[in-house]
Amino acid sequence: EVQLVESGGGLVQPGGSLRLSCAASGFIFSSYGMKWVRQAPGKGLEWVSSINSGGDSTNYADSLKGRFTISRDNAKNTLYLQMSSLKPEDTAVYYCAMRTFRGQGTQVTVSS
């Protein structure tokens, strides 16, 4: 059974940083590309970033380039999202995803 468990969310002030983690199990993590998506209050799912199986190719939504960094540790079956210079509009539930599978999400709130 595929399981994706996100953690690391919380309340942060504008300009702050957070690192999200996603622990994966139930599949061969190193064989699959992964992605982060988010859902802001009252809005649909928004793609944030993707990374290939080997971790050497990444893509980001244009609005997030330079502020967010996706990475993975295949030895630990873990996906990361380092977020910096956070803005109130980054407030959302963040999910890691593999194909059609998605975790339960972790809440990120950016507010003073």
Protein backbone atom coordinates (compact mmCIF):
# COMPACT_ATOMS: atom_id res chain seq x y z
CA GLU A 1 0.00 0.00 0.00
CA VAL A 2 1.36 3.38 -1.03
CA GLN A 3 1.72 5.75 1.92
CA LEU A 4 2.85 9.36 1.80
CA VAL A 5 3.10 11.20 5.11
CA GLU A 6 3.88 14.91 5.11
CA SER A 7 5.25 16.83 8.07
CA GLY A 8 6.95 20.11 8.88
CA GLY A 9 4.12 22.55 8.37
CA GLY A 10 3.17 25.25 10.82
CA LEU A 11 2.71 28.93 11.43
CA VAL A 12 5.49 31.19 10.17
CA GLN A 13 5.86 34.93 9.78
CA PRO A 14 6.18 36.52 6.35
CA GLY A 15 9.76 36.23 5.17
CA GLY A 16 10.33 33.11 7.20
CA SER A 17 11.31 29.61 6.17
CA LEU A 18 10.03 26.08 6.59
CA ARG A 19 11.15 22.67 5.42
CA LEU A 20 8.49 20.13 4.61
CA SER A 21 9.18 16.42 4.56
CA CYS A 22 7.30 13.53 3.02
CA ALA A 23 7.99 10.00 4.18
CA ALA A 24 7.15 7.48 1.48
CA SER A 25 6.49 3.76 1.78
CA GLY A 26 4.78 0.93 -0.05
CA PHE A 27 6.58 1.45 -3.36
CA ILE A 28 10.10 1.68 -4.74
CA PHE A 29 10.66 5.34 -3.97
CA SER A 30 13.83 5.66 -6.02
CA SER A 31 11.99 4.60 -9.17
CA TYR A 32 9.40 7.36 -9.24
CA GLY A 33 9.28 11.05 -9.85
CA MET A 34 7.62 12.99 -7.07
CA LYS A 35 5.90 16.31 -6.74
CA TRP A 36 4.52 18.80 -4.29
CA VAL A 37 1.11 20.37 -4.79
CA ARG A 38 -0.80 22.76 -2.59
CA GLN A 39 -4.34 23.91 -1.99
CA ALA A 40 -5.04 27.36 -0.64
CA PRO A 41 -8.30 28.04 1.22
CA GLY A 42 -11.19 28.08 -1.20
CA LYS A 43 -9.01 27.29 -4.22
CA GLY A 44 -8.14 24.25 -6.29
CA LEU A 45 -4.98 22.20 -6.28
CA GLU A 46 -1.89 24.02 -7.54
CA TRP A 47 1.26 22.26 -8.72
CA VAL A 48 4.31 23.53 -6.85
CA SER A 49 7.32 21.50 -7.93
CA SER A 50 8.47 18.18 -9.35
CA ILE A 51 11.62 16.12 -9.13
CA ASN A 52 12.69 13.10 -11.15
CA SER A 53 13.47 9.72 -9.66
CA GLY A 54 17.21 10.36 -9.41
CA GLY A 55 16.84 13.84 -7.98
CA ASP A 56 18.90 15.55 -10.67
CA SER A 57 16.07 17.24 -12.52
CA THR A 58 13.62 19.64 -10.92
CA ASN A 59 10.86 21.96 -12.04
CA TYR A 60 9.00 24.73 -10.29
CA ALA A 61 5.93 26.86 -10.79
CA ASP A 62 7.12 30.17 -12.21
CA SER A 63 5.81 32.14 -9.25
CA LEU A 64 7.89 30.07 -6.82
CA LYS A 65 11.24 29.90 -8.55
CA GLY A 66 14.06 31.06 -6.35
CA ARG A 67 12.09 30.68 -3.13
CA PHE A 68 11.33 26.96 -3.00
CA THR A 69 13.72 24.04 -3.41
CA ILE A 70 12.62 20.44 -3.89
CA SER A 71 14.97 17.59 -3.06
CA ARG A 72 14.89 13.93 -2.15
CA ASP A 73 16.90 11.36 -0.24
CA ASN A 74 16.34 8.01 -1.88
CA ALA A 75 18.21 6.21 0.90
CA LYS A 76 15.66 7.54 3.38
CA ASN A 77 12.61 7.33 1.09
CA THR A 78 11.96 10.98 1.84
CA LEU A 79 10.97 13.99 -0.24
CA TYR A 80 11.62 17.54 0.91
CA LEU A 81 10.48 21.04 0.12
CA GLN A 82 12.57 23.89 1.47
CA MET A 83 10.54 27.09 1.46
CA SER A 84 12.02 30.51 2.08
CA SER A 85 10.91 34.13 1.85
CA LEU A 86 7.41 32.91 2.58
CA LYS A 87 4.46 35.14 1.76
CA PRO A 88 0.89 35.14 3.06
CA GLU A 89 -0.24 33.84 -0.33
CA ASP A 90 1.82 30.69 0.30
CA THR A 91 -0.70 29.74 2.98
CA ALA A 92 -2.10 26.36 1.94
CA VAL A 93 -2.21 22.68 2.67
CA TYR A 94 0.85 21.14 1.06
CA TYR A 95 0.74 17.61 -0.30
CA CYS A 96 3.39 15.34 -1.68
CA ALA A 97 2.25 13.18 -4.54
CA MET A 98 3.34 10.26 -6.67
CA ARG A 99 1.23 9.72 -9.78
CA THR A 100 -2.36 9.61 -8.49
CA PHE A 101 -1.39 9.06 -4.86
CA ARG A 102 -1.34 11.93 -2.40
CA GLY A 103 -0.67 12.22 1.30
CA GLN A 104 -2.94 13.78 3.91
CA GLY A 105 -1.15 17.10 3.68
CA THR A 106 0.50 19.50 6.09
CA GLN A 107 -0.83 22.97 6.81
CA VAL A 108 1.42 25.96 6.18
CA THR A 109 0.18 29.31 7.45
CA VAL A 110 2.12 32.48 6.72
CA SER A 111 0.92 35.30 8.91
CA SER A 112 2.18 37.98 11.24
